[in-house]
Amino acid sequence: LERHARTRGLACAMIEIRNDEIAGDTGQRKWADLLTGIFSNLEPEEARGSRQRAMGKSVQSAS
């Protein structure tokens, strides 16, 4: 995270999941559904702005 995201101004997060939680199909589906729900609630504009800042482009607010 420090090397590849924060130093470039990218929004970042670390998720740690125990291996035994995703060893089988049921656990993998459970975590996929959980993470999909979380990530679907993220604001696309915020993610795009983070990427543009990392690439050295100016970011204009849509509001």
PDB file of N, CA and C in Angstrom:
ATOM      1  N   LEU A   1       0.820  -1.200   0.000  1.00  0.00           N
ATOM      2  CA  LEU A   1       0.000   0.000   0.000  1.00  0.00           C
ATOM      3  C   LEU A   1       0.856   1.253   0.000  1.00  0.00           C
ATOM      4  N   GLU A   2       1.870   1.269   0.828  1.00  0.00           N
ATOM      5  CA  GLU A   2       2.713   2.477   0.904  1.00  0.00           C
ATOM      6  C   GLU A   2       3.406   2.744  -0.432  1.00  0.00           C
ATOM      7  N   ARG A   3       3.982   1.721  -1.016  1.00  0.00           N
ATOM      8  CA  ARG A   3       4.766   1.898  -2.236  1.00  0.00           C
ATOM      9  C   ARG A   3       3.891   2.175  -3.456  1.00  0.00           C
ATOM     10  N   HIS A   4       2.818   1.434  -3.600  1.00  0.00           N
ATOM     11  CA  HIS A   4       2.065   1.486  -4.850  1.00  0.00           C
ATOM     12  C   HIS A   4       0.829   2.374  -4.812  1.00  0.00           C
ATOM     13  N   ALA A   5       0.344   2.729  -3.658  1.00  0.00           N
ATOM     14  CA  ALA A   5      -0.897   3.507  -3.605  1.00  0.00           C
ATOM     15  C   ALA A   5      -0.703   4.854  -2.929  1.00  0.00           C
ATOM     16  N   ARG A   6      -0.400   4.846  -1.674  1.00  0.00           N
ATOM     17  CA  ARG A   6      -0.351   6.116  -0.919  1.00  0.00           C
ATOM     18  C   ARG A   6       0.655   7.095  -1.486  1.00  0.00           C
ATOM     19  N   THR A   7       1.829   6.614  -1.885  1.00  0.00           N
ATOM     20  CA  THR A   7       2.836   7.536  -2.409  1.00  0.00           C
ATOM     21  C   THR A   7       2.402   8.164  -3.726  1.00  0.00           C
ATOM     22  N   ARG A   8       1.413   7.552  -4.402  1.00  0.00           N
ATOM     23  CA  ARG A   8       0.895   8.087  -5.663  1.00  0.00           C
ATOM     24  C   ARG A   8      -0.452   8.757  -5.488  1.00  0.00           C
ATOM     25  N   GLY A   9      -0.912   8.898  -4.259  1.00  0.00           N
ATOM     26  CA  GLY A   9      -2.177   9.569  -4.003  1.00  0.00           C
ATOM     27  C   GLY A   9      -3.408   8.730  -4.302  1.00  0.00           C
ATOM     28  N   LEU A  10      -3.244   7.412  -4.409  1.00  0.00           N
ATOM     29  CA  LEU A  10      -4.385   6.541  -4.697  1.00  0.00           C
ATOM     30  C   LEU A  10      -5.096   6.140  -3.418  1.00  0.00           C
ATOM     31  N   ALA A  11      -6.399   6.090  -3.488  1.00  0.00           N
ATOM     32  CA  ALA A  11      -7.168   5.541  -2.371  1.00  0.00           C
ATOM     33  C   ALA A  11      -6.835   4.060  -2.277  1.00  0.00           C
ATOM     34  N   CYS A  12      -6.719   3.552  -1.070  1.00  0.00           N
ATOM     35  CA  CYS A  12      -6.326   2.152  -0.935  1.00  0.00           C
ATOM     36  C   CYS A  12      -6.894   1.547   0.338  1.00  0.00           C
ATOM     37  N   ALA A  13      -6.946   0.244   0.332  1.00  0.00           N
ATOM     38  CA  ALA A  13      -7.408  -0.499   1.508  1.00  0.00           C
ATOM     39  C   ALA A  13      -6.771  -1.874   1.469  1.00  0.00           C
ATOM     40  N   MET A  14      -6.580  -2.444   2.631  1.00  0.00           N
ATOM     41  CA  MET A  14      -6.065  -3.801   2.713  1.00  0.00           C
ATOM     42  C   MET A  14      -7.136  -4.664   3.364  1.00  0.00           C
ATOM     43  N   ILE A  15      -7.380  -5.797   2.760  1.00  0.00           N
ATOM     44  CA  ILE A  15      -8.366  -6.734   3.286  1.00  0.00           C
ATOM     45  C   ILE A  15      -7.645  -8.043   3.563  1.00  0.00           C
ATOM     46  N   GLU A  16      -7.796  -8.541   4.762  1.00  0.00           N
ATOM     47  CA  GLU A  16      -7.184  -9.819   5.116  1.00  0.00           C
ATOM     48  C   GLU A  16      -8.293 -10.816   5.416  1.00  0.00           C
ATOM     49  N   ILE A  17      -8.241 -11.945   4.733  1.00  0.00           N
ATOM     50  CA  ILE A  17      -9.232 -13.002   4.919  1.00  0.00           C
ATOM     51  C   ILE A  17      -8.477 -14.280   5.267  1.00  0.00           C
ATOM     52  N   ARG A  18      -8.914 -14.940   6.308  1.00  0.00           N
ATOM     53  CA  ARG A  18      -8.273 -16.199   6.694  1.00  0.00           C
ATOM     54  C   ARG A  18      -8.442 -17.229   5.578  1.00  0.00           C
ATOM     55  N   ASN A  19      -7.394 -18.000   5.324  1.00  0.00           N
ATOM     56  CA  ASN A  19      -7.436 -19.013   4.268  1.00  0.00           C
ATOM     57  C   ASN A  19      -8.552 -20.023   4.478  1.00  0.00           C
ATOM     58  N   ASP A  20      -8.807 -20.409   5.729  1.00  0.00           N
ATOM     59  CA  ASP A  20      -9.858 -21.401   5.971  1.00  0.00           C
ATOM     60  C   ASP A  20     -11.246 -20.849   5.650  1.00  0.00           C
ATOM     61  N   GLU A  21     -11.384 -19.527   5.612  1.00  0.00           N
ATOM     62  CA  GLU A  21     -12.667 -18.907   5.260  1.00  0.00           C
ATOM     63  C   GLU A  21     -12.960 -19.011   3.764  1.00  0.00           C
ATOM     64  N   ILE A  22     -11.919 -19.166   2.946  1.00  0.00           N
ATOM     65  CA  ILE A  22     -12.113 -19.201   1.492  1.00  0.00           C
ATOM     66  C   ILE A  22     -11.584 -20.494   0.867  1.00  0.00           C
ATOM     67  N   ALA A  23     -11.433 -21.526   1.677  1.00  0.00           N
ATOM     68  CA  ALA A  23     -10.910 -22.802   1.177  1.00  0.00           C
ATOM     69  C   ALA A  23     -11.921 -23.525   0.284  1.00  0.00           C
ATOM     70  N   GLY A  24     -13.192 -23.351   0.544  1.00  0.00           N
ATOM     71  CA  GLY A  24     -14.223 -24.048  -0.233  1.00  0.00           C
ATOM     72  C   GLY A  24     -15.083 -23.093  -1.027  1.00  0.00           C
ATOM     73  N   ASP A  25     -15.879 -23.664  -1.913  1.00  0.00           N
ATOM     74  CA  ASP A  25     -16.765 -22.860  -2.769  1.00  0.00           C
ATOM     75  C   ASP A  25     -17.743 -22.003  -1.969  1.00  0.00           C
ATOM     76  N   THR A  26     -18.298 -22.559  -0.904  1.00  0.00           N
ATOM     77  CA  THR A  26     -19.284 -21.818  -0.106  1.00  0.00           C
ATOM     78  C   THR A  26     -18.660 -20.577   0.518  1.00  0.00           C
ATOM     79  N   GLY A  27     -17.493 -20.726   1.115  1.00  0.00           N
ATOM     80  CA  GLY A  27     -16.803 -19.588   1.721  1.00  0.00           C
ATOM     81  C   GLY A  27     -16.389 -18.555   0.693  1.00  0.00           C
ATOM     82  N   GLN A  28     -15.948 -19.017  -0.463  1.00  0.00           N
ATOM     83  CA  GLN A  28     -15.556 -18.091  -1.527  1.00  0.00           C
ATOM     84  C   GLN A  28     -16.754 -17.283  -2.008  1.00  0.00           C
ATOM     85  N   ARG A  29     -17.888 -17.950  -2.172  1.00  0.00           N
ATOM     86  CA  ARG A  29     -19.110 -17.231  -2.584  1.00  0.00           C
ATOM     87  C   ARG A  29     -19.543 -16.236  -1.515  1.00  0.00           C
ATOM     88  N   LYS A  30     -19.464 -16.658  -0.256  1.00  0.00           N
ATOM     89  CA  LYS A  30     -19.856 -15.774   0.849  1.00  0.00           C
ATOM     90  C   LYS A  30     -19.024 -14.495   0.829  1.00  0.00           C
ATOM     91  N   TRP A  31     -17.702 -14.648   0.725  1.00  0.00           N
ATOM     92  CA  TRP A  31     -16.830 -13.480   0.725  1.00  0.00           C
ATOM     93  C   TRP A  31     -16.982 -12.653  -0.551  1.00  0.00           C
ATOM     94  N   ALA A  32     -17.182 -13.315  -1.679  1.00  0.00           N
ATOM     95  CA  ALA A  32     -17.393 -12.579  -2.934  1.00  0.00           C
ATOM     96  C   ALA A  32     -18.644 -11.714  -2.832  1.00  0.00           C
ATOM     97  N   ASP A  33     -19.716 -12.286  -2.293  1.00  0.00           N
ATOM     98  CA  ASP A  33     -20.959 -11.520  -2.131  1.00  0.00           C
ATOM     99  C   ASP A  33     -20.775 -10.362  -1.156  1.00  0.00           C
ATOM    100  N   LEU A  34     -20.103 -10.619  -0.055  1.00  0.00           N
ATOM    101  CA  LEU A  34     -19.871  -9.579   0.945  1.00  0.00           C
ATOM    102  C   LEU A  34     -19.050  -8.430   0.360  1.00  0.00           C
ATOM    103  N   LEU A  35     -17.944  -8.764  -0.295  1.00  0.00           N
ATOM    104  CA  LEU A  35     -17.077  -7.720  -0.849  1.00  0.00           C
ATOM    105  C   LEU A  35     -17.740  -6.996  -2.021  1.00  0.00           C
ATOM    106  N   THR A  36     -18.511  -7.712  -2.819  1.00  0.00           N
ATOM    107  CA  THR A  36     -19.230  -7.067  -3.922  1.00  0.00           C
ATOM    108  C   THR A  36     -20.186  -6.013  -3.381  1.00  0.00           C
ATOM    109  N   GLY A  37     -20.889  -6.344  -2.311  1.00  0.00           N
ATOM    110  CA  GLY A  37     -21.801  -5.380  -1.699  1.00  0.00           C
ATOM    111  C   GLY A  37     -21.076  -4.151  -1.184  1.00  0.00           C
ATOM    112  N   ILE A  38     -19.935  -4.368  -0.574  1.00  0.00           N
ATOM    113  CA  ILE A  38     -19.154  -3.243  -0.039  1.00  0.00           C
ATOM    114  C   ILE A  38     -18.625  -2.375  -1.177  1.00  0.00           C
ATOM    115  N   PHE A  39     -18.003  -3.001  -2.181  1.00  0.00           N
ATOM    116  CA  PHE A  39     -17.390  -2.239  -3.267  1.00  0.00           C
ATOM    117  C   PHE A  39     -18.423  -1.564  -4.158  1.00  0.00           C
ATOM    118  N   SER A  40     -19.633  -2.130  -4.259  1.00  0.00           N
ATOM    119  CA  SER A  40     -20.655  -1.486  -5.089  1.00  0.00           C
ATOM    120  C   SER A  40     -21.099  -0.158  -4.517  1.00  0.00           C
ATOM    121  N   ASN A  41     -20.896   0.043  -3.229  1.00  0.00           N
ATOM    122  CA  ASN A  41     -21.304   1.291  -2.589  1.00  0.00           C
ATOM    123  C   ASN A  41     -20.262   2.396  -2.705  1.00  0.00           C
ATOM    124  N   LEU A  42     -19.113   2.099  -3.289  1.00  0.00           N
ATOM    125  CA  LEU A  42     -18.081   3.126  -3.451  1.00  0.00           C
ATOM    126  C   LEU A  42     -18.504   4.116  -4.526  1.00  0.00           C
ATOM    127  N   GLU A  43     -18.073   5.333  -4.382  1.00  0.00           N
ATOM    128  CA  GLU A  43     -18.396   6.379  -5.345  1.00  0.00           C
ATOM    129  C   GLU A  43     -17.424   6.313  -6.520  1.00  0.00           C
ATOM    130  N   PRO A  44     -17.893   6.058  -7.731  1.00  0.00           N
ATOM    131  CA  PRO A  44     -17.000   5.973  -8.884  1.00  0.00           C
ATOM    132  C   PRO A  44     -16.204   7.250  -9.119  1.00  0.00           C
ATOM    133  N   GLU A  45     -16.792   8.405  -8.868  1.00  0.00           N
ATOM    134  CA  GLU A  45     -16.080   9.671  -9.076  1.00  0.00           C
ATOM    135  C   GLU A  45     -14.869   9.772  -8.158  1.00  0.00           C
ATOM    136  N   GLU A  46     -15.003   9.315  -6.927  1.00  0.00           N
ATOM    137  CA  GLU A  46     -13.878   9.359  -6.000  1.00  0.00           C
ATOM    138  C   GLU A  46     -12.754   8.466  -6.487  1.00  0.00           C
ATOM    139  N   ALA A  47     -13.078   7.290  -6.971  1.00  0.00           N
ATOM    140  CA  ALA A  47     -12.059   6.373  -7.466  1.00  0.00           C
ATOM    141  C   ALA A  47     -11.375   6.957  -8.696  1.00  0.00           C
ATOM    142  N   ARG A  48     -12.139   7.544  -9.594  1.00  0.00           N
ATOM    143  CA  ARG A  48     -11.560   8.122 -10.799  1.00  0.00           C
ATOM    144  C   ARG A  48     -10.642   9.286 -10.435  1.00  0.00           C
ATOM    145  N   GLY A  49     -11.053  10.114  -9.499  1.00  0.00           N
ATOM    146  CA  GLY A  49     -10.221  11.236  -9.086  1.00  0.00           C
ATOM    147  C   GLY A  49      -8.913  10.777  -8.492  1.00  0.00           C
ATOM    148  N   SER A  50      -8.952   9.720  -7.723  1.00  0.00           N
ATOM    149  CA  SER A  50      -7.744   9.177  -7.126  1.00  0.00           C
ATOM    150  C   SER A  50      -6.781   8.720  -8.212  1.00  0.00           C
ATOM    151  N   ARG A  51      -7.299   8.055  -9.215  1.00  0.00           N
ATOM    152  CA  ARG A  51      -6.448   7.564 -10.301  1.00  0.00           C
ATOM    153  C   ARG A  51      -5.870   8.725 -11.105  1.00  0.00           C
ATOM    154  N   GLN A  52      -6.678   9.740 -11.380  1.00  0.00           N
ATOM    155  CA  GLN A  52      -6.190  10.881 -12.145  1.00  0.00           C
ATOM    156  C   GLN A  52      -5.102  11.626 -11.381  1.00  0.00           C
ATOM    157  N   ARG A  53      -5.272  11.783 -10.063  1.00  0.00           N
ATOM    158  CA  ARG A  53      -4.232  12.434  -9.265  1.00  0.00           C
ATOM    159  C   ARG A  53      -2.937  11.640  -9.336  1.00  0.00           C
ATOM    160  N   ALA A  54      -3.031  10.326  -9.292  1.00  0.00           N
ATOM    161  CA  ALA A  54      -1.845   9.480  -9.331  1.00  0.00           C
ATOM    162  C   ALA A  54      -1.129   9.606 -10.668  1.00  0.00           C
ATOM    163  N   MET A  55      -1.880   9.911 -11.724  1.00  0.00           N
ATOM    164  CA  MET A  55      -1.288  10.029 -13.049  1.00  0.00           C
ATOM    165  C   MET A  55      -0.866  11.466 -13.345  1.00  0.00           C
ATOM    166  N   GLY A  56      -1.011  12.347 -12.354  1.00  0.00           N
ATOM    167  CA  GLY A  56      -0.569  13.720 -12.510  1.00  0.00           C
ATOM    168  C   GLY A  56      -1.544  14.620 -13.238  1.00  0.00           C
ATOM    169  N   LYS A  57      -2.789  14.183 -13.388  1.00  0.00           N
ATOM    170  CA  LYS A  57      -3.804  15.003 -14.051  1.00  0.00           C
ATOM    171  C   LYS A  57      -4.588  15.770 -13.012  1.00  0.00           C
ATOM    172  N   SER A  58      -5.069  16.944 -13.383  1.00  0.00           N
ATOM    173  CA  SER A  58      -5.877  17.703 -12.432  1.00  0.00           C
ATOM    174  C   SER A  58      -7.272  17.105 -12.376  1.00  0.00           C
ATOM    175  N   VAL A  59      -7.885  17.196 -11.226  1.00  0.00           N
ATOM    176  CA  VAL A  59      -9.202  16.612 -11.004  1.00  0.00           C
ATOM    177  C   VAL A  59     -10.194  17.729 -10.759  1.00  0.00           C
ATOM    178  N   GLN A  60     -11.262  17.786 -11.568  1.00  0.00           N
ATOM    179  CA  GLN A  60     -12.318  18.774 -11.412  1.00  0.00           C
ATOM    180  C   GLN A  60     -13.481  18.132 -10.684  1.00  0.00           C
ATOM    181  N   SER A  61     -14.049  18.816  -9.745  1.00  0.00           N
ATOM    182  CA  SER A  61     -15.222  18.302  -9.040  1.00  0.00           C
ATOM    183  C   SER A  61     -16.442  18.434  -9.934  1.00  0.00           C
ATOM    184  N   ALA A  62     -17.307  17.415  -9.906  1.00  0.00           N
ATOM    185  CA  ALA A  62     -18.526  17.443 -10.720  1.00  0.00           C
ATOM    186  C   ALA A  62     -19.610  18.307 -10.090  1.00  0.00           C
ATOM    187  N   SER A  63     -19.471  18.690  -8.832  1.00  0.00           N
ATOM    188  CA  SER A  63     -20.528  19.473  -8.181  1.00  0.00           C
ATOM    189  C   SER A  63     -20.314  20.945  -8.309  1.00  0.00           C
TER     190      SER A  63
END
